[in-house]
């Protein structure tokens, strides 16, 4: 949210507090309820929805959007996920998309492919804007890329074993690739992170067993990492692996690009289109695809870590961020003008009907 908002042009309302919420804990979005919208509409012009749809039933979401319409708010929706990485059964989520995508005044997404998919499925125009800079790194990071003769460092983060992560296949392909690489004389370390709190404890135990079958593969259980800790860990890698079963876009790809870290990922959704120059396609059933990505990653990582390259990447991303912020401000203005015109037309129509 901060990345796409120019605070000189847009006044961002504070996040509504949730009774009982603790710092760092996710709660269903209060701002996407009819009561909150009705109570706060007088001080707002735009309701911009990014995430959190799955917390609502379709009827509740429709009711919230109807109140926004009645109170004259423009609704903007960022179509980040065309299917939901937190869910296995996508039908309930698709029902929510069927509510908000037709109802929103403006739609925005990250890639041209996703915009085309929205137009094909819903007949709506969706503006494609790149995801702006995520990292706090100034371009002069204190973490250097790995160098020879140190082992190639490959990272995977299985998080809490959410449904779209093919965790068992990912650890198995890491073990197979580690065996091929060490046999070929290429030292490697696969550093696999897993949250302490997971959705499937039995699967977590199985993953530990699979990882233990090769000395170059380590699986570490960690608390939820801070943003700074995630950046520091990624910056020390040659390659980051995204073992998705399904998905549309990925914030990991954006953060890795900011840090100059290549990504190997499965061909799902439109993830590869976010930064194709630093993305290698991975087949979880074919360890040679991971071996190839690892072999190429060291040179690419070292090249991206050269100070002039880091600085220019940072400058380019900051220019892009400014452009994305300006595009969002324009999007809000256009949506507000459309809503105002529609309300004026409705008022004229009602006056005309009254006269008849």
Protein backbone atom coordinates (compact mmCIF):
# COMPACT_ATOMS: atom_id res chain seq x y z
CA UNK A 1 0.00 0.00 0.00
CA UNK A 2 2.77 2.44 0.92
CA UNK A 3 4.58 1.63 -2.31
CA UNK A 4 1.73 2.74 -4.58
CA UNK A 5 0.63 5.83 -2.62
CA UNK A 6 2.18 9.26 -3.16
CA UNK A 7 1.40 10.92 0.15
CA UNK A 8 1.68 14.36 -1.49
CA UNK A 9 -1.33 13.52 -3.67
CA UNK A 10 -3.29 10.97 -1.65
CA UNK A 11 -4.36 11.05 2.00
CA UNK A 12 -4.25 7.45 3.18
CA UNK A 13 -6.76 6.73 5.93
CA UNK A 14 -5.28 4.79 8.88
CA UNK A 15 -5.94 1.08 9.09
CA UNK A 16 -9.10 0.54 11.16
CA UNK A 17 -8.27 -0.97 14.56
CA UNK A 18 -9.67 -4.41 15.30
CA UNK A 19 -10.76 -5.11 18.91
CA UNK A 20 -8.43 -7.69 20.42
CA UNK A 21 -5.91 -7.66 17.56
CA UNK A 22 -2.25 -8.01 18.51
CA UNK A 23 0.65 -6.49 16.57
CA UNK A 24 1.65 -8.53 13.54
CA UNK A 25 -1.46 -10.71 13.55
CA UNK A 26 -3.65 -10.73 10.47
CA UNK A 27 -7.37 -10.05 10.97
CA UNK A 28 -10.23 -9.83 8.47
CA UNK A 29 -10.33 -6.33 6.96
CA UNK A 30 -12.76 -4.13 8.89
CA UNK A 31 -12.79 -1.60 6.05
CA UNK A 32 -14.56 -4.07 3.77
CA UNK A 33 -17.79 -4.11 5.79
CA UNK A 34 -20.99 -2.14 5.12
CA UNK A 35 -20.97 -0.53 8.58
CA UNK A 36 -17.41 0.76 8.40
CA UNK A 37 -17.92 2.13 4.88
CA UNK A 38 -21.15 3.84 5.92
CA UNK A 39 -19.57 5.32 9.05
CA UNK A 40 -16.50 6.64 7.19
CA UNK A 41 -17.79 7.50 3.71
CA UNK A 42 -18.01 11.24 4.44
CA UNK A 43 -14.22 11.47 4.81
CA UNK A 44 -13.31 9.19 1.90
CA UNK A 45 -13.32 9.39 -1.90
CA UNK A 46 -11.93 6.00 -2.88
CA UNK A 47 -12.06 2.47 -1.47
CA UNK A 48 -9.04 0.56 -2.83
CA UNK A 49 -9.15 -3.20 -2.21
CA UNK A 50 -5.94 -5.25 -2.44
CA UNK A 51 -6.38 -8.44 -0.37
CA UNK A 52 -8.68 -10.05 2.16
CA UNK A 53 -11.69 -10.96 0.01
CA UNK A 54 -11.74 -14.52 1.34
CA UNK A 55 -12.84 -13.19 4.72
CA UNK A 56 -16.25 -12.25 3.27
CA UNK A 57 -19.16 -14.19 1.86
CA UNK A 58 -20.22 -13.05 -1.63
CA UNK A 59 -23.45 -11.51 -0.30
CA UNK A 60 -21.55 -9.60 2.40
CA UNK A 61 -19.02 -8.32 -0.13
CA UNK A 62 -21.82 -7.26 -2.46
CA UNK A 63 -23.51 -5.43 0.43
CA UNK A 64 -20.28 -3.56 1.27
CA UNK A 65 -19.77 -2.53 -2.35
CA UNK A 66 -23.41 -1.44 -2.57
CA UNK A 67 -22.94 0.88 0.42
CA UNK A 68 -19.80 2.29 -1.22
CA UNK A 69 -21.84 2.95 -4.37
CA UNK A 70 -24.71 4.55 -2.42
CA UNK A 71 -22.32 6.82 -0.53
CA UNK A 72 -20.51 7.93 -3.70
CA UNK A 73 -17.17 6.18 -3.15
CA UNK A 74 -15.14 5.05 -6.13
CA UNK A 75 -14.02 1.41 -5.82
CA UNK A 76 -10.60 0.33 -7.16
CA UNK A 77 -9.57 -3.32 -7.04
CA UNK A 78 -6.04 -4.66 -7.53
CA UNK A 79 -6.39 -8.10 -9.11
CA UNK A 80 -3.27 -9.61 -7.58
CA UNK A 81 -4.69 -13.14 -7.27
CA UNK A 82 -6.90 -14.75 -9.89
CA UNK A 83 -6.78 -17.80 -7.70
CA UNK A 84 -6.05 -17.74 -4.01
CA UNK A 85 -2.77 -19.20 -2.68
CA UNK A 86 -4.35 -19.74 0.75
CA UNK A 87 -7.09 -22.03 -0.58
CA UNK A 88 -7.35 -25.44 -2.20
CA UNK A 89 -10.97 -25.16 -3.34
CA UNK A 90 -11.05 -22.03 -5.49
CA UNK A 91 -14.84 -21.97 -6.06
CA UNK A 92 -15.65 -19.70 -3.06
CA UNK A 93 -12.89 -17.28 -4.03
CA UNK A 94 -14.00 -17.17 -7.67
CA UNK A 95 -17.50 -16.34 -6.46
CA UNK A 96 -16.01 -13.30 -4.71
CA UNK A 97 -14.15 -12.24 -7.86
CA UNK A 98 -17.46 -12.51 -9.70
CA UNK A 99 -18.79 -9.89 -7.28
CA UNK A 100 -15.98 -7.36 -7.11
CA UNK A 101 -14.52 -7.40 -10.63
CA UNK A 102 -17.80 -6.42 -12.35
CA UNK A 103 -18.61 -3.90 -9.58
CA UNK A 104 -15.28 -2.03 -9.30
CA UNK A 105 -14.95 1.33 -11.03
CA UNK A 106 -11.32 0.64 -11.92
CA UNK A 107 -9.22 -2.51 -12.03
CA UNK A 108 -5.45 -2.78 -11.88
CA UNK A 109 -3.07 -5.76 -11.98
CA UNK A 110 0.66 -6.47 -12.29
CA UNK A 111 1.08 -8.07 -15.71
CA UNK A 112 -0.35 -7.82 -19.21
CA UNK A 113 -1.18 -11.53 -19.14
CA UNK A 114 -3.31 -11.15 -16.03
CA UNK A 115 -5.04 -8.10 -17.56
CA UNK A 116 -5.87 -10.16 -20.66
CA UNK A 117 -7.24 -12.94 -18.48
CA UNK A 118 -9.51 -10.48 -16.65
CA UNK A 119 -10.79 -9.11 -19.96
CA UNK A 120 -11.39 -12.60 -21.34
CA UNK A 121 -13.20 -13.89 -18.24
CA UNK A 122 -15.14 -10.81 -17.13
CA UNK A 123 -15.13 -8.46 -20.12
CA UNK A 124 -13.48 -5.72 -18.03
CA UNK A 125 -10.50 -3.55 -18.91
CA UNK A 126 -7.75 -3.93 -16.32
CA UNK A 127 -4.73 -1.62 -16.28
CA UNK A 128 -1.39 -3.43 -15.94
CA UNK A 129 1.06 -1.60 -13.68
CA UNK A 130 4.33 -3.13 -12.43
CA UNK A 131 4.76 -3.81 -8.75
CA UNK A 132 6.91 -1.05 -7.28
CA UNK A 133 10.02 -1.30 -5.15
CA UNK A 134 9.64 -3.43 -2.01
CA UNK A 135 13.05 -3.60 -0.36
CA UNK A 136 14.28 -1.04 2.13
CA UNK A 137 17.84 -1.59 0.87
CA UNK A 138 19.43 1.68 -0.27
CA UNK A 139 21.35 -0.04 -3.04
CA UNK A 140 24.44 -0.28 -0.81
CA UNK A 141 23.49 -3.44 1.07
CA UNK A 142 25.96 -4.74 3.62
CA UNK A 143 25.21 -8.32 2.49
CA UNK A 144 27.37 -9.46 -0.43
CA UNK A 145 26.54 -12.14 -2.96
CA UNK A 146 28.14 -15.54 -2.37
CA UNK A 147 31.48 -15.98 -4.14
CA UNK A 148 33.67 -18.88 -5.23
CA UNK A 149 34.76 -21.25 -3.81
CA UNK A 150 31.85 -21.08 -1.35
CA UNK A 151 29.04 -23.55 -2.07
CA UNK A 152 26.14 -22.35 -4.18
CA UNK A 153 23.46 -21.20 -1.75
CA UNK A 154 19.88 -21.98 -2.77
CA UNK A 155 16.95 -20.86 -0.64
CA UNK A 156 13.39 -22.13 -0.31
CA UNK A 157 10.83 -20.80 2.16
CA UNK A 158 7.93 -23.17 2.74
CA UNK A 159 6.28 -20.71 5.14
CA UNK A 160 3.39 -22.34 7.05
CA UNK A 161 2.73 -25.00 4.37
CA UNK A 162 -0.11 -23.09 2.77
CA UNK A 163 -2.02 -24.96 0.05
CA UNK A 164 -0.26 -23.55 -3.01
CA UNK A 165 3.23 -24.63 -1.91
CA UNK A 166 4.28 -28.06 -3.19
CA UNK A 167 6.45 -28.64 -0.14
CA UNK A 168 7.20 -32.37 -0.40
CA UNK A 169 8.02 -32.15 -4.10
CA UNK A 170 10.21 -29.09 -3.45
CA UNK A 171 12.31 -30.78 -0.77
CA UNK A 172 12.57 -33.96 -2.85
CA UNK A 173 13.79 -32.09 -5.93
CA UNK A 174 16.29 -30.19 -3.77
CA UNK A 175 17.70 -33.50 -2.51
CA UNK A 176 17.90 -34.90 -6.06
CA UNK A 177 19.54 -31.73 -7.40
CA UNK A 178 22.01 -31.66 -4.51
CA UNK A 179 23.05 -35.21 -5.35
CA UNK A 180 23.56 -34.36 -9.04
CA UNK A 181 25.49 -31.18 -8.27
CA UNK A 182 27.84 -32.71 -5.69
CA UNK A 183 28.49 -35.69 -7.99
CA UNK A 184 29.43 -33.19 -10.73
CA UNK A 185 31.82 -31.42 -8.35
CA UNK A 186 29.67 -28.35 -7.69
CA UNK A 187 29.35 -27.70 -3.94
CA UNK A 188 25.87 -26.54 -2.96
CA UNK A 189 23.81 -25.82 0.12
CA UNK A 190 20.01 -25.88 0.00
CA UNK A 191 18.74 -23.77 2.91
CA UNK A 192 15.05 -24.58 3.38
CA UNK A 193 13.07 -22.54 5.89
CA UNK A 194 9.80 -23.59 7.49
CA UNK A 195 7.73 -21.67 10.02
CA UNK A 196 7.58 -23.02 13.55
CA UNK A 197 3.78 -22.89 13.33
CA UNK A 198 2.49 -24.84 10.33
CA UNK A 199 -0.86 -26.04 9.02
CA UNK A 200 0.21 -29.70 8.77
CA UNK A 201 2.51 -31.06 11.48
CA UNK A 202 2.69 -34.53 9.92
CA UNK A 203 3.86 -33.08 6.61
CA UNK A 204 6.44 -30.95 8.42
CA UNK A 205 7.88 -34.08 10.08
CA UNK A 206 7.98 -35.85 6.69
CA UNK A 207 9.85 -32.92 5.16
CA UNK A 208 12.49 -33.14 7.89
CA UNK A 209 13.03 -36.81 7.01
CA UNK A 210 13.33 -36.11 3.26
CA UNK A 211 15.78 -33.24 3.82
CA UNK A 212 17.95 -35.35 6.15
CA UNK A 213 18.68 -37.77 3.29
CA UNK A 214 21.37 -35.47 1.85
CA UNK A 215 24.05 -33.55 3.79
CA UNK A 216 23.82 -30.56 1.44
CA UNK A 217 20.16 -29.99 2.28
CA UNK A 218 19.18 -28.38 5.58
CA UNK A 219 15.64 -27.68 6.76
CA UNK A 220 15.34 -25.09 9.51
CA UNK A 221 12.24 -24.24 11.57
CA UNK A 222 12.05 -20.50 12.29
CA UNK A 223 9.67 -18.02 13.89
CA UNK A 224 7.91 -15.64 11.53
CA UNK A 225 10.72 -13.50 10.11
CA UNK A 226 10.77 -9.71 10.08
CA UNK A 227 11.02 -7.94 6.72
CA UNK A 228 14.64 -7.03 7.46
CA UNK A 229 15.51 -10.64 8.30
CA UNK A 230 13.90 -11.90 5.10
CA UNK A 231 15.87 -9.38 3.03
CA UNK A 232 19.15 -10.29 4.73
CA UNK A 233 18.54 -14.01 4.16
CA UNK A 234 17.61 -13.57 0.50
CA UNK A 235 20.58 -11.28 -0.16
CA UNK A 236 22.96 -14.10 0.86
CA UNK A 237 21.57 -16.53 -1.74
CA UNK A 238 22.62 -17.40 -5.28
CA UNK A 239 19.11 -18.56 -6.15
CA UNK A 240 15.64 -18.52 -4.61
CA UNK A 241 13.14 -21.26 -5.46
CA UNK A 242 9.36 -20.83 -5.70
CA UNK A 243 7.66 -24.26 -5.68
CA UNK A 244 4.08 -23.13 -6.35
CA UNK A 245 1.24 -25.47 -7.25
CA UNK A 246 -0.94 -22.58 -8.34
CA UNK A 247 -0.85 -18.84 -8.19
CA UNK A 248 -1.05 -15.61 -10.19
CA UNK A 249 1.71 -13.24 -9.03
CA UNK A 250 4.38 -13.29 -6.32
CA UNK A 251 5.76 -10.65 -3.99
CA UNK A 252 8.83 -12.88 -3.52
CA UNK A 253 9.75 -12.31 -7.17
CA UNK A 254 9.62 -8.55 -6.65
CA UNK A 255 11.76 -8.64 -3.52
CA UNK A 256 14.31 -10.95 -5.14
CA UNK A 257 14.54 -8.64 -8.16
CA UNK A 258 15.17 -5.67 -5.89
CA UNK A 259 18.01 -7.61 -4.24
CA UNK A 260 19.47 -8.98 -7.50
CA UNK A 261 18.66 -12.60 -6.60
CA UNK A 262 17.60 -14.90 -9.49
CA UNK A 263 14.44 -16.97 -9.07
CA UNK A 264 13.59 -20.48 -10.24
CA UNK A 265 9.88 -21.18 -10.12
CA UNK A 266 7.17 -23.40 -11.45
CA UNK A 267 5.25 -22.14 -14.53
CA UNK A 268 2.04 -21.06 -12.80
CA UNK A 269 -0.11 -18.00 -13.41
CA UNK A 270 1.80 -14.93 -14.55
CA UNK A 271 4.69 -15.09 -12.07
CA UNK A 272 7.38 -15.49 -14.73
CA UNK A 273 6.16 -12.36 -16.52
CA UNK A 274 6.91 -10.11 -13.55
CA UNK A 275 10.68 -10.14 -14.13
CA UNK A 276 11.42 -12.60 -16.95
CA UNK A 277 15.10 -11.62 -17.18
CA UNK A 278 15.82 -13.13 -13.76
CA UNK A 279 13.33 -16.03 -13.73
CA UNK A 280 14.12 -19.65 -14.65
CA UNK A 281 11.33 -22.19 -15.15
CA UNK A 282 11.45 -25.15 -12.77
CA UNK A 283 9.91 -28.60 -13.20
CA UNK A 284 9.56 -30.21 -9.78
CA UNK A 285 9.59 -33.65 -11.41
CA UNK A 286 12.86 -32.97 -13.25
CA UNK A 287 15.84 -32.14 -10.99
CA UNK A 288 17.97 -31.25 -14.01
CA UNK A 289 15.94 -28.03 -14.38
CA UNK A 290 16.95 -27.01 -10.87
CA UNK A 291 20.56 -28.06 -11.49
CA UNK A 292 20.67 -25.83 -14.60
CA UNK A 293 19.24 -22.87 -12.67
CA UNK A 294 21.78 -23.35 -9.86
CA UNK A 295 24.68 -23.61 -12.30
CA UNK A 296 23.73 -20.31 -13.98
CA UNK A 297 22.82 -18.45 -10.83
CA UNK A 298 26.26 -17.70 -9.34
CA UNK A 299 27.46 -15.59 -12.30
CA UNK A 300 24.11 -13.80 -12.57
CA UNK A 301 24.06 -13.12 -8.83
CA UNK A 302 27.59 -11.75 -8.77
CA UNK A 303 26.92 -9.53 -11.80
CA UNK A 304 23.77 -8.14 -10.18
CA UNK A 305 25.68 -7.44 -6.96
CA UNK A 306 28.28 -5.13 -8.52
CA UNK A 307 27.81 -1.71 -6.83
CA UNK A 308 27.14 0.26 -10.07
CA UNK A 309 24.57 -2.35 -11.14
CA UNK A 310 22.92 -2.32 -7.70
CA UNK A 311 22.72 1.46 -7.71
CA UNK A 312 21.26 1.63 -11.21
CA UNK A 313 18.70 -1.08 -10.40
CA UNK A 314 17.70 0.90 -7.34
CA UNK A 315 17.41 4.15 -9.33
CA UNK A 316 15.35 2.43 -12.02
CA UNK A 317 13.02 0.92 -9.44
CA UNK A 318 12.56 4.26 -7.72
CA UNK A 319 11.72 5.91 -11.05
CA UNK A 320 9.25 3.09 -11.69
CA UNK A 321 7.78 3.57 -8.21
CA UNK A 322 7.18 7.26 -8.94
CA UNK A 323 5.47 6.35 -12.21
CA UNK A 324 3.29 3.73 -10.51
CA UNK A 325 2.31 6.19 -7.79
CA UNK A 326 1.37 8.81 -10.39
CA UNK A 327 -0.65 6.19 -12.30
CA UNK A 328 -2.56 5.25 -9.14
CA UNK A 329 -3.33 8.90 -8.37
CA UNK A 330 -4.63 9.30 -11.93
CA UNK A 331 -6.64 6.11 -11.56
CA UNK A 332 -8.26 7.45 -8.39
CA UNK A 333 -9.09 10.79 -10.04
CA UNK A 334 -10.64 9.10 -13.07
CA UNK A 335 -12.69 6.75 -10.91
CA UNK A 336 -13.91 9.63 -8.74
CA UNK A 337 -14.91 11.63 -11.83
CA UNK A 338 -16.81 8.65 -13.26
CA UNK A 339 -18.69 8.16 -9.99
CA UNK A 340 -19.51 11.88 -9.77
CA UNK A 341 -20.83 11.90 -13.36
CA UNK A 342 -22.94 8.82 -12.70
CA UNK A 343 -24.41 10.39 -9.55
CA UNK A 344 -25.22 13.61 -11.40
CA UNK A 345 -26.87 11.63 -14.17
CA UNK A 346 -28.87 9.68 -11.60
CA UNK A 347 -29.98 12.85 -9.86
CA UNK A 348 -31.07 14.38 -13.16
CA UNK A 349 -32.98 11.24 -14.01
CA UNK A 350 -34.76 11.27 -10.66
CA UNK A 351 -35.66 14.93 -11.09
CA UNK A 352 -37.01 14.20 -14.52
CA UNK A 353 -39.05 11.29 -13.24
CA UNK A 354 -40.43 13.50 -10.47
CA UNK A 355 -41.54 16.10 -12.98
CA UNK A 356 -43.38 13.48 -15.00
